[in-house]
């Protein structure tokens, strides 16, 4: 990739000045067309070798376009807040909304390359990072993001010459530190790691554009022209139509006649008296509380997902969990229809933003599974969207598990008859009437469709590191105790994994 690039391209000053004016005018027009269009964001990745003009180019793009609608993010060493969450959290948080442009000065590619050059990770671990990056970029593109990736490159001699020139000029000497020279000494190792890495992460939808970095005029025009072409191509009516076209229908996991209905296989009526419940509640709330006080717990975080039939008792179960916790240690997230801000981002963005730091718990009342449940059944998204969501969810949850997040997922199940009984009871109790709406009755008419969706969801997303716990909830007492027991067991397992870890 680097060998085939001509790194000595040059453009004279007069030519640059003549072309710059027209280019910046067209870029500004394209930027405002994207803002007015409002259907997709632009993410520009700036990466490459030290001294190749990355910083100057970022400043130039902000100068050429309207910086009020550009979000520029540099990603230095991880902060304490970022270190306590999965690596991708910092990038998800920085994604621009639809209609805006985000410039990522270094991004998800930097960390694995540097770690591999330093020898901190193995070739196999670099391969795992590469796969994670490929899946992230594929997901962003399928969510409509225009991803433009620039790799700024210099030969070894050019890099040395460039660093010395910067160091010699009092106005730019501050930009050359011991770190830059340290990287220069490892130039050959960087190229050896970067070249195959870039080949594997360069795709037809988001190729790496190698930018020769020695001549500032050629560098600037190369980036500007490529960016303009990409934005104009996406704004073209045919591209807009193609981007909205759904994928061909995908066959379900199993034919309807053979599909296992995991909900109908449950014995929903479980015995537990009020007296037994009171005794068990004290016991399991006490154990949960003690676990959150274990010194190892500060190196974990917990994410709990509550899904289930309407009126299955999710709220009651959540209150019994929070009743065992310090109010300062948990955060409840009640998921409803997405807000305007959330609709302007890729689907998983609104869940990534709530991932807790270590020593904390986030409780989701409804979750990212809405895409394969309500959005699927109610046809709020295309079949292609909910079908690909299974793999995206599994990848998301794997990233959580890899970062010592204990993920506990509950489906609270009740019978159709029990739901009817609870709906009618809610209508009669004044302080519970807010819990029953016309939409609840409407959803009930699609009971069979939801059963099919739940069965397929469990089959496709119940994994070794994030299994589903199906809770028989006709008896609320039994359901609440099973939830507490499961959480205790999951956290105990997580704490055991902490033993022997730094």
Protein backbone atom coordinates (compact mmCIF):
# COMPACT_ATOMS: atom_id res chain seq x y z
CA UNK A 1 0.00 0.00 0.00
CA UNK A 2 2.75 2.46 0.94
CA UNK A 3 5.24 1.23 -1.66
CA UNK A 4 2.80 1.96 -4.46
CA UNK A 5 2.11 5.51 -3.25
CA UNK A 6 4.06 8.33 -4.84
CA UNK A 7 5.21 10.29 -1.79
CA UNK A 8 6.94 13.09 -3.73
CA UNK A 9 3.91 14.77 -5.31
CA UNK A 10 4.17 18.56 -5.30
CA UNK A 11 1.95 21.48 -6.28
CA UNK A 12 3.29 25.00 -6.73
CA UNK A 13 1.92 27.84 -4.65
CA UNK A 14 0.17 29.63 -7.54
CA UNK A 15 -1.72 26.49 -8.58
CA UNK A 16 -2.68 25.81 -4.97
CA UNK A 17 -4.05 29.31 -4.41
CA UNK A 18 -6.03 29.15 -7.63
CA UNK A 19 -7.63 25.80 -6.77
CA UNK A 20 -8.04 26.41 -3.05
CA UNK A 21 -10.61 29.17 -3.44
CA UNK A 22 -12.91 27.07 -5.61
CA UNK A 23 -12.43 23.94 -3.48
CA UNK A 24 -13.25 25.59 -0.16
CA UNK A 25 -16.34 27.21 -1.71
CA UNK A 26 -17.58 23.83 -2.96
CA UNK A 27 -16.80 22.14 0.37
CA UNK A 28 -18.78 24.77 2.23
CA UNK A 29 -21.75 24.32 -0.11
CA UNK A 30 -21.58 20.54 0.31
CA UNK A 31 -21.40 20.92 4.09
CA UNK A 32 -24.58 23.01 4.15
CA UNK A 33 -26.32 20.64 1.75
CA UNK A 34 -25.57 17.80 4.17
CA UNK A 35 -26.90 19.88 7.06
CA UNK A 36 -30.09 20.65 5.13
CA UNK A 37 -30.43 17.04 3.97
CA UNK A 38 -30.12 15.86 7.58
CA UNK A 39 -30.24 12.13 6.82
CA UNK A 40 -26.64 11.11 7.46
CA UNK A 41 -23.53 12.24 9.35
CA UNK A 42 -19.96 12.43 8.04
CA UNK A 43 -17.06 10.97 10.03
CA UNK A 44 -13.55 11.87 8.83
CA UNK A 45 -10.72 9.78 10.26
CA UNK A 46 -7.29 11.42 10.29
CA UNK A 47 -4.43 9.01 10.97
CA UNK A 48 -0.87 8.31 9.88
CA UNK A 49 2.79 8.82 10.72
CA UNK A 50 4.08 11.63 12.90
CA UNK A 51 5.02 14.86 11.12
CA UNK A 52 2.93 14.12 8.03
CA UNK A 53 0.64 17.15 8.44
CA UNK A 54 -2.35 15.66 10.21
CA UNK A 55 -2.83 18.57 12.59
CA UNK A 56 -2.42 21.19 9.87
CA UNK A 57 -5.02 19.41 7.76
CA UNK A 58 -7.54 19.25 10.62
CA UNK A 59 -7.10 23.00 11.15
CA UNK A 60 -7.45 23.64 7.44
CA UNK A 61 -10.72 21.69 7.18
CA UNK A 62 -12.13 23.75 10.04
CA UNK A 63 -10.99 26.88 8.21
CA UNK A 64 -12.41 25.86 4.84
CA UNK A 65 -15.80 24.82 6.20
CA UNK A 66 -18.11 26.20 8.90
CA UNK A 67 -16.58 25.00 12.20
CA UNK A 68 -19.92 25.51 14.00
CA UNK A 69 -21.17 22.33 12.34
CA UNK A 70 -17.95 20.33 12.71
CA UNK A 71 -17.12 18.35 15.83
CA UNK A 72 -13.37 17.86 16.08
CA UNK A 73 -12.10 15.25 18.51
CA UNK A 74 -8.54 14.30 19.35
CA UNK A 75 -8.04 11.11 21.32
CA UNK A 76 -5.00 11.34 23.61
CA UNK A 77 -4.17 8.81 26.31
CA UNK A 78 -7.21 7.29 27.98
CA UNK A 79 -8.61 9.30 30.87
CA UNK A 80 -9.57 7.59 34.13
CA UNK A 81 -13.22 7.83 33.07
CA UNK A 82 -12.49 6.18 29.71
CA UNK A 83 -10.24 3.52 31.20
CA UNK A 84 -13.17 2.27 33.28
CA UNK A 85 -15.27 1.52 30.23
CA UNK A 86 -14.83 -0.52 27.01
CA UNK A 87 -12.38 1.07 24.54
CA UNK A 88 -15.05 1.92 21.96
CA UNK A 89 -17.08 3.95 24.49
CA UNK A 90 -14.98 7.09 23.92
CA UNK A 91 -15.59 6.92 20.15
CA UNK A 92 -19.31 6.21 20.36
CA UNK A 93 -19.68 9.23 22.63
CA UNK A 94 -17.99 11.45 20.04
CA UNK A 95 -20.09 10.43 16.99
CA UNK A 96 -21.67 13.43 15.22
CA UNK A 97 -25.45 13.52 14.68
CA UNK A 98 -27.06 13.39 11.24
CA UNK A 99 -26.41 16.53 9.24
CA UNK A 100 -23.08 17.20 10.97
CA UNK A 101 -19.42 16.43 10.33
CA UNK A 102 -17.10 14.83 12.85
CA UNK A 103 -13.31 14.91 12.48
CA UNK A 104 -11.58 12.19 14.49
CA UNK A 105 -7.91 13.10 14.92
CA UNK A 106 -6.75 9.59 15.66
CA UNK A 107 -9.47 7.07 16.48
CA UNK A 108 -10.10 3.37 16.99
CA UNK A 109 -7.13 2.43 14.78
CA UNK A 110 -4.45 4.19 16.83
CA UNK A 111 -4.54 2.18 20.05
CA UNK A 112 -4.06 -1.34 18.57
CA UNK A 113 -1.29 -0.17 16.20
CA UNK A 114 0.68 1.50 19.00
CA UNK A 115 0.17 -1.45 21.37
CA UNK A 116 1.37 -3.91 18.73
CA UNK A 117 4.46 -1.81 17.87
CA UNK A 118 5.30 -1.59 21.57
CA UNK A 119 4.92 -5.36 21.89
CA UNK A 120 2.15 -4.99 24.46
CA UNK A 121 -0.26 -7.16 22.45
CA UNK A 122 0.33 -10.21 20.30
CA UNK A 123 -0.39 -10.65 16.60
CA UNK A 124 -3.47 -12.66 17.56
CA UNK A 125 -4.72 -9.86 19.81
CA UNK A 126 -4.13 -7.34 17.00
CA UNK A 127 -6.27 -9.59 14.82
CA UNK A 128 -9.04 -9.42 17.43
CA UNK A 129 -8.84 -5.62 17.43
CA UNK A 130 -8.93 -5.66 13.63
CA UNK A 131 -12.08 -7.76 13.58
CA UNK A 132 -13.73 -5.47 16.11
CA UNK A 133 -12.86 -2.42 13.99
CA UNK A 134 -14.16 -4.06 10.82
CA UNK A 135 -17.48 -4.83 12.52
CA UNK A 136 -17.76 -1.33 13.97
CA UNK A 137 -17.16 0.36 10.62
CA UNK A 138 -19.54 -2.00 8.83
CA UNK A 139 -22.24 -1.21 11.39
CA UNK A 140 -21.68 2.56 11.11
CA UNK A 141 -21.89 2.40 7.32
CA UNK A 142 -25.08 0.32 7.44
CA UNK A 143 -26.53 2.91 9.84
CA UNK A 144 -25.92 5.53 7.13
CA UNK A 145 -22.67 7.12 8.29
CA UNK A 146 -20.44 8.49 5.51
CA UNK A 147 -17.01 7.30 6.69
CA UNK A 148 -13.96 8.90 5.01
CA UNK A 149 -10.54 7.65 6.13
CA UNK A 150 -7.23 9.41 5.43
CA UNK A 151 -3.81 7.95 6.19
CA UNK A 152 -1.03 10.55 6.03
CA UNK A 153 2.29 9.04 5.08
CA UNK A 154 5.97 9.97 4.76
CA UNK A 155 9.01 7.92 3.89
CA UNK A 156 11.52 7.46 6.70
CA UNK A 157 13.86 10.08 5.25
CA UNK A 158 10.95 12.48 4.72
CA UNK A 159 9.78 12.02 8.27
CA UNK A 160 13.25 12.76 9.67
CA UNK A 161 13.57 15.85 7.47
CA UNK A 162 10.09 17.06 8.42
CA UNK A 163 10.64 16.62 12.17
CA UNK A 164 13.96 18.45 12.02
CA UNK A 165 12.39 21.33 10.10
CA UNK A 166 9.58 21.63 12.63
CA UNK A 167 12.04 21.45 15.51
CA UNK A 168 14.26 24.15 14.01
CA UNK A 169 11.45 26.70 13.61
CA UNK A 170 10.69 28.41 16.97
CA UNK A 171 7.03 28.66 15.96
CA UNK A 172 6.64 24.90 15.51
CA UNK A 173 9.35 23.44 17.77
CA UNK A 174 6.76 22.74 20.48
CA UNK A 175 5.15 20.17 18.21
CA UNK A 176 8.20 17.90 18.24
CA UNK A 177 8.63 16.08 21.54
CA UNK A 178 10.65 13.10 22.69
CA UNK A 179 7.63 10.95 21.80
CA UNK A 180 7.83 11.92 18.11
CA UNK A 181 11.52 10.96 17.98
CA UNK A 182 10.74 7.76 19.86
CA UNK A 183 8.20 6.87 17.20
CA UNK A 184 10.69 7.77 14.49
CA UNK A 185 13.15 5.22 15.86
CA UNK A 186 10.41 2.62 15.47
CA UNK A 187 9.46 3.74 11.96
CA UNK A 188 10.23 0.38 10.31
CA UNK A 189 8.20 -1.48 12.94
CA UNK A 190 5.28 0.92 12.49
CA UNK A 191 5.24 0.36 8.73
CA UNK A 192 5.47 -3.40 9.22
CA UNK A 193 2.41 -3.32 11.50
CA UNK A 194 0.43 -0.62 9.69
CA UNK A 195 0.56 -1.87 6.12
CA UNK A 196 -1.27 -5.19 6.63
CA UNK A 197 -3.56 -3.56 9.20
CA UNK A 198 -4.64 -0.91 6.70
CA UNK A 199 -5.18 -3.49 3.98
CA UNK A 200 -7.49 -5.49 6.24
CA UNK A 201 -9.49 -2.44 7.36
CA UNK A 202 -9.78 -0.88 3.89
CA UNK A 203 -13.14 -1.79 2.32
CA UNK A 204 -15.08 -0.77 -0.74
CA UNK A 205 -17.46 1.30 1.41
CA UNK A 206 -14.68 2.89 3.51
CA UNK A 207 -11.25 2.61 1.86
CA UNK A 208 -8.12 4.14 3.30
CA UNK A 209 -6.92 7.08 1.21
CA UNK A 210 -3.14 7.36 1.49
CA UNK A 211 -2.12 11.03 1.48
CA UNK A 212 1.55 11.91 0.76
CA UNK A 213 2.36 14.32 3.57
CA UNK A 214 5.56 16.08 2.50
CA UNK A 215 4.14 18.88 0.35
CA UNK A 216 1.47 20.89 2.23
CA UNK A 217 -0.23 22.13 -0.94
CA UNK A 218 -0.60 18.69 -2.49
CA UNK A 219 -1.65 17.23 0.88
CA UNK A 220 -4.39 19.82 1.40
CA UNK A 221 -5.84 19.57 -2.11
CA UNK A 222 -5.78 15.77 -2.02
CA UNK A 223 -7.81 15.64 1.19
CA UNK A 224 -10.19 18.40 0.08
CA UNK A 225 -10.90 16.83 -3.31
CA UNK A 226 -11.49 13.35 -1.91
CA UNK A 227 -13.76 14.69 0.81
CA UNK A 228 -15.77 16.79 -1.63
CA UNK A 229 -16.19 13.85 -4.01
CA UNK A 230 -17.38 11.58 -1.18
CA UNK A 231 -19.91 14.11 0.14
CA UNK A 232 -21.26 14.96 -3.30
CA UNK A 233 -21.57 11.28 -4.20
CA UNK A 234 -23.63 10.60 -1.07
CA UNK A 235 -25.84 13.64 -1.70
CA UNK A 236 -26.63 12.48 -5.23
CA UNK A 237 -30.31 11.44 -5.50
CA UNK A 238 -29.38 7.96 -6.75
CA UNK A 239 -27.08 7.40 -3.78
CA UNK A 240 -29.80 8.59 -1.41
CA UNK A 241 -32.28 6.16 -2.95
CA UNK A 242 -29.80 3.26 -2.84
CA UNK A 243 -29.04 3.98 0.80
CA UNK A 244 -32.75 3.77 1.67
CA UNK A 245 -33.34 0.55 -0.26
CA UNK A 246 -33.91 -2.38 2.06
CA UNK A 247 -31.93 -5.57 1.68
CA UNK A 248 -33.73 -8.60 0.19
CA UNK A 249 -35.90 -10.50 2.70
CA UNK A 250 -33.88 -12.84 4.90
CA UNK A 251 -35.14 -16.28 5.80
CA UNK A 252 -35.93 -16.82 9.49
CA UNK A 253 -33.60 -18.97 11.57
CA UNK A 254 -35.90 -22.01 11.38
CA UNK A 255 -39.10 -22.74 9.45
CA UNK A 256 -42.17 -21.76 11.54
CA UNK A 257 -43.28 -25.38 12.01
CA UNK A 258 -39.93 -26.40 13.52
CA UNK A 259 -39.14 -23.33 15.60
CA UNK A 260 -38.95 -23.96 19.34
CA UNK A 261 -41.16 -21.61 21.31
CA UNK A 262 -39.13 -21.17 24.48
CA UNK A 263 -41.91 -19.26 26.22
CA UNK A 264 -44.52 -21.99 25.81
CA UNK A 265 -42.00 -24.49 27.18
CA UNK A 266 -41.89 -22.61 30.51
CA UNK A 267 -43.91 -23.62 33.54
CA UNK A 268 -45.17 -20.14 34.36
CA UNK A 269 -46.99 -20.92 37.62
CA UNK A 270 -44.42 -21.36 40.40
CA UNK A 271 -45.36 -21.60 44.05
CA UNK A 272 -44.15 -19.16 46.67
CA UNK A 273 -46.10 -17.90 49.65
CA UNK A 274 -45.93 -14.36 50.97
CA UNK A 275 -44.24 -15.60 54.14
CA UNK A 276 -41.56 -17.51 52.22
CA UNK A 277 -41.08 -14.50 49.96
CA UNK A 278 -40.45 -12.13 52.87
CA UNK A 279 -37.82 -14.49 54.27
CA UNK A 280 -36.11 -15.04 50.92
CA UNK A 281 -36.22 -11.36 50.04
CA UNK A 282 -34.24 -10.41 53.15
CA UNK A 283 -31.71 -13.13 52.44
CA UNK A 284 -31.01 -12.35 48.80
CA UNK A 285 -31.13 -8.58 49.11
CA UNK A 286 -28.60 -8.92 51.91
CA UNK A 287 -26.29 -11.07 49.80
CA UNK A 288 -26.54 -8.67 46.87
CA UNK A 289 -25.69 -5.74 49.12
CA UNK A 290 -22.64 -7.51 50.57
CA UNK A 291 -21.34 -8.36 47.10
CA UNK A 292 -21.38 -4.70 46.08
CA UNK A 293 -19.21 -3.95 49.12
CA UNK A 294 -16.56 -6.53 48.21
CA UNK A 295 -13.23 -4.82 47.48
CA UNK A 296 -12.99 -6.69 44.16
CA UNK A 297 -16.33 -5.21 43.08
CA UNK A 298 -14.62 -1.89 42.35
CA UNK A 299 -12.95 -3.57 39.38
CA UNK A 300 -16.27 -4.70 37.90
CA UNK A 301 -19.30 -2.96 36.51
CA UNK A 302 -22.76 -4.46 36.13
CA UNK A 303 -25.36 -4.00 33.39
CA UNK A 304 -28.78 -5.53 33.97
CA UNK A 305 -31.40 -5.80 31.23
CA UNK A 306 -35.10 -6.27 32.01
CA UNK A 307 -37.34 -7.29 29.14
CA UNK A 308 -40.67 -9.08 29.24
CA UNK A 309 -44.37 -9.09 28.49
CA UNK A 310 -46.36 -5.99 29.37
CA UNK A 311 -47.45 -6.24 33.06
CA UNK A 312 -44.95 -9.06 33.70
CA UNK A 313 -43.58 -7.27 36.77
CA UNK A 314 -40.36 -5.70 35.50
CA UNK A 315 -40.83 -2.59 37.61
CA UNK A 316 -41.49 -4.58 40.78
CA UNK A 317 -38.41 -6.75 40.19
CA UNK A 318 -36.24 -3.69 39.55
CA UNK A 319 -37.42 -2.08 42.80
CA UNK A 320 -36.41 -5.18 44.76
CA UNK A 321 -32.95 -5.00 43.18
CA UNK A 322 -32.46 -1.31 43.86
CA UNK A 323 -33.78 -1.82 47.39
CA UNK A 324 -30.61 -3.77 48.10
CA UNK A 325 -28.22 -1.15 46.70
CA UNK A 326 -26.68 2.13 47.71
CA UNK A 327 -28.61 4.77 45.74
CA UNK A 328 -25.29 6.35 44.72
CA UNK A 329 -24.08 3.15 43.03
CA UNK A 330 -26.75 2.52 40.40
CA UNK A 331 -28.50 4.25 37.53
CA UNK A 332 -31.92 3.33 36.13
CA UNK A 333 -32.47 3.79 32.40
CA UNK A 334 -36.08 3.52 31.25
CA UNK A 335 -36.10 3.04 27.48
CA UNK A 336 -39.01 4.52 25.54
CA UNK A 337 -39.39 5.70 21.95
CA UNK A 338 -36.14 7.36 20.81
CA UNK A 339 -35.84 11.11 21.20
CA UNK A 340 -34.95 13.40 18.32
CA UNK A 341 -31.34 13.45 19.55
CA UNK A 342 -31.24 9.64 19.64
CA UNK A 343 -32.78 9.27 16.17
CA UNK A 344 -29.90 11.38 14.82
CA UNK A 345 -27.37 8.73 15.89
CA UNK A 346 -26.68 5.05 15.09
CA UNK A 347 -29.05 2.75 16.97
CA UNK A 348 -26.70 1.54 19.72
CA UNK A 349 -25.46 5.06 20.57
CA UNK A 350 -28.15 5.71 23.17
CA UNK A 351 -27.18 2.54 25.03
CA UNK A 352 -23.42 2.95 24.81
CA UNK A 353 -23.71 6.34 26.50
CA UNK A 354 -25.13 4.70 29.66
CA UNK A 355 -22.46 2.04 30.15
CA UNK A 356 -21.37 2.44 33.80
CA UNK A 357 -17.90 2.95 35.15
CA UNK A 358 -16.38 0.35 37.45
CA UNK A 359 -18.08 -0.21 40.76
CA UNK A 360 -21.45 0.93 39.35
CA UNK A 361 -24.64 -0.70 38.06
CA UNK A 362 -26.86 0.39 35.17
CA UNK A 363 -30.35 -1.12 35.09
CA UNK A 364 -32.11 -1.01 31.72
CA UNK A 365 -35.92 -1.20 31.83
CA UNK A 366 -36.23 -2.24 28.17
CA UNK A 367 -33.05 -2.10 26.13
CA UNK A 368 -31.28 -2.49 22.79
CA UNK A 369 -33.44 -5.58 22.24
CA UNK A 370 -36.26 -3.28 21.18
CA UNK A 371 -34.90 -3.48 17.64
CA UNK A 372 -35.57 -7.24 17.42
CA UNK A 373 -38.81 -7.05 19.39
CA UNK A 374 -41.12 -4.03 19.14
CA UNK A 375 -39.37 -2.50 16.10
CA UNK A 376 -39.51 -5.84 14.32
CA UNK A 377 -43.12 -6.68 15.17
CA UNK A 378 -44.46 -3.16 14.63
CA UNK A 379 -42.37 -2.73 11.47
CA UNK A 380 -40.67 0.42 12.78
CA UNK A 381 -37.49 -0.70 10.99
CA UNK A 382 -36.73 -2.77 7.91
CA UNK A 383 -36.23 -6.52 8.02
CA UNK A 384 -32.59 -5.95 7.06
CA UNK A 385 -32.12 -3.69 10.09
CA UNK A 386 -33.47 -6.09 12.69
CA UNK A 387 -31.82 -9.12 11.09
CA UNK A 388 -28.35 -7.55 11.27
CA UNK A 389 -29.07 -6.33 14.81
CA UNK A 390 -28.51 -9.83 16.22
CA UNK A 391 -24.81 -9.86 15.31
CA UNK A 392 -24.39 -6.19 16.29
CA UNK A 393 -25.91 -6.88 19.71
CA UNK A 394 -23.72 -9.94 20.26
CA UNK A 395 -20.64 -7.92 19.33
CA UNK A 396 -21.69 -5.09 21.67
CA UNK A 397 -22.22 -7.49 24.55
CA UNK A 398 -18.91 -9.24 23.87
CA UNK A 399 -17.13 -5.89 24.18
CA UNK A 400 -18.83 -5.35 27.54
CA UNK A 401 -17.84 -8.80 28.78
CA UNK A 402 -14.23 -8.31 27.63
CA UNK A 403 -14.07 -5.22 29.84
CA UNK A 404 -15.22 -6.99 33.02
CA UNK A 405 -18.83 -5.89 32.69
CA UNK A 406 -21.18 -8.41 34.28
CA UNK A 407 -24.16 -8.54 31.95
CA UNK A 408 -27.39 -10.04 33.32
CA UNK A 409 -30.40 -10.33 30.97
CA UNK A 410 -33.93 -11.19 32.12
CA UNK A 411 -37.05 -12.02 30.17
CA UNK A 412 -40.05 -11.96 32.52
CA UNK A 413 -42.77 -14.18 31.08
CA UNK A 414 -46.44 -14.41 32.01
CA UNK A 415 -49.35 -16.20 30.38
CA UNK A 416 -51.83 -14.41 28.17
CA UNK A 417 -54.56 -15.07 30.75
CA UNK A 418 -52.45 -13.64 33.60
CA UNK A 419 -51.71 -10.53 31.54
CA UNK A 420 -55.43 -9.95 30.97
CA UNK A 421 -56.09 -10.33 34.68
CA UNK A 422 -53.39 -7.77 35.54
CA UNK A 423 -54.53 -5.33 32.89
CA UNK A 424 -58.08 -5.33 34.28
CA UNK A 425 -56.84 -4.99 37.86
CA UNK A 426 -54.72 -1.98 36.91
CA UNK A 427 -57.76 -0.23 35.47
CA UNK A 428 -59.51 -0.50 38.82
CA UNK A 429 -56.70 0.83 41.04
CA UNK A 430 -56.31 4.60 40.88
CA UNK A 431 -52.56 4.71 41.55
CA UNK A 432 -51.92 1.99 38.95
CA UNK A 433 -54.06 3.33 36.10
CA UNK A 434 -51.04 5.11 34.60
CA UNK A 435 -49.53 1.66 34.02
CA UNK A 436 -52.15 0.63 31.47
CA UNK A 437 -52.60 2.38 28.11
CA UNK A 438 -54.39 1.79 24.85
CA UNK A 439 -51.06 0.73 23.36
CA UNK A 440 -50.79 -2.08 25.92
CA UNK A 441 -54.15 -3.46 24.75
CA UNK A 442 -53.10 -3.03 21.11
CA UNK A 443 -49.80 -4.88 21.69
CA UNK A 444 -51.74 -7.73 23.28
CA UNK A 445 -53.39 -8.41 19.92
CA UNK A 446 -49.95 -9.29 18.53
CA UNK A 447 -49.13 -11.79 21.27
CA UNK A 448 -48.20 -14.60 18.84
CA UNK A 449 -45.92 -12.36 16.76
CA UNK A 450 -44.09 -11.25 19.91
CA UNK A 451 -43.69 -14.87 21.03
CA UNK A 452 -41.98 -15.72 17.75
CA UNK A 453 -39.73 -12.66 18.01
CA UNK A 454 -38.75 -13.46 21.61
CA UNK A 455 -37.97 -17.10 20.81
CA UNK A 456 -35.72 -16.10 17.93
CA UNK A 457 -34.08 -13.36 20.05
CA UNK A 458 -33.22 -15.81 22.81
CA UNK A 459 -31.91 -18.36 20.34
CA UNK A 460 -29.65 -15.87 18.57
CA UNK A 461 -28.42 -13.76 21.49
CA UNK A 462 -28.16 -16.11 24.45
CA UNK A 463 -24.41 -16.67 24.60
CA UNK A 464 -21.98 -18.16 27.10
CA UNK A 465 -20.85 -14.72 28.26
CA UNK A 466 -24.34 -13.14 28.19
CA UNK A 467 -27.07 -15.79 28.58
CA UNK A 468 -30.75 -14.99 28.87
CA UNK A 469 -32.50 -15.88 32.13
CA UNK A 470 -36.15 -16.69 31.50
CA UNK A 471 -38.19 -15.83 34.57
CA UNK A 472 -41.53 -17.53 35.19
CA UNK A 473 -43.48 -14.51 36.41
CA UNK A 474 -47.11 -15.53 36.94
CA UNK A 475 -46.15 -15.54 40.63
CA UNK A 476 -44.49 -12.18 41.31
CA UNK A 477 -42.85 -13.42 44.48
CA UNK A 478 -41.09 -16.23 42.64
CA UNK A 479 -40.03 -13.89 39.84
CA UNK A 480 -38.46 -11.30 42.16
CA UNK A 481 -36.49 -13.90 44.12
CA UNK A 482 -35.26 -15.58 40.92
CA UNK A 483 -34.04 -12.22 39.64
CA UNK A 484 -32.13 -11.52 42.88
CA UNK A 485 -30.63 -15.03 42.97
CA UNK A 486 -29.50 -14.75 39.36
CA UNK A 487 -27.87 -11.37 39.94
CA UNK A 488 -26.05 -12.67 43.01
CA UNK A 489 -24.75 -15.70 41.09
CA UNK A 490 -23.63 -13.55 38.13
CA UNK A 491 -21.76 -11.04 40.29
CA UNK A 492 -20.16 -13.83 42.36
CA UNK A 493 -18.94 -15.40 39.14
CA UNK A 494 -17.56 -12.03 38.01
CA UNK A 495 -15.74 -11.54 41.31
CA UNK A 496 -14.16 -14.98 41.05
CA UNK A 497 -12.79 -14.02 37.64
CA UNK A 498 -11.16 -11.01 39.31
CA UNK A 499 -9.03 -13.26 41.48
CA UNK A 500 -5.50 -13.22 40.15
CA UNK A 501 -6.16 -10.32 37.76
CA UNK A 502 -4.17 -7.08 38.14
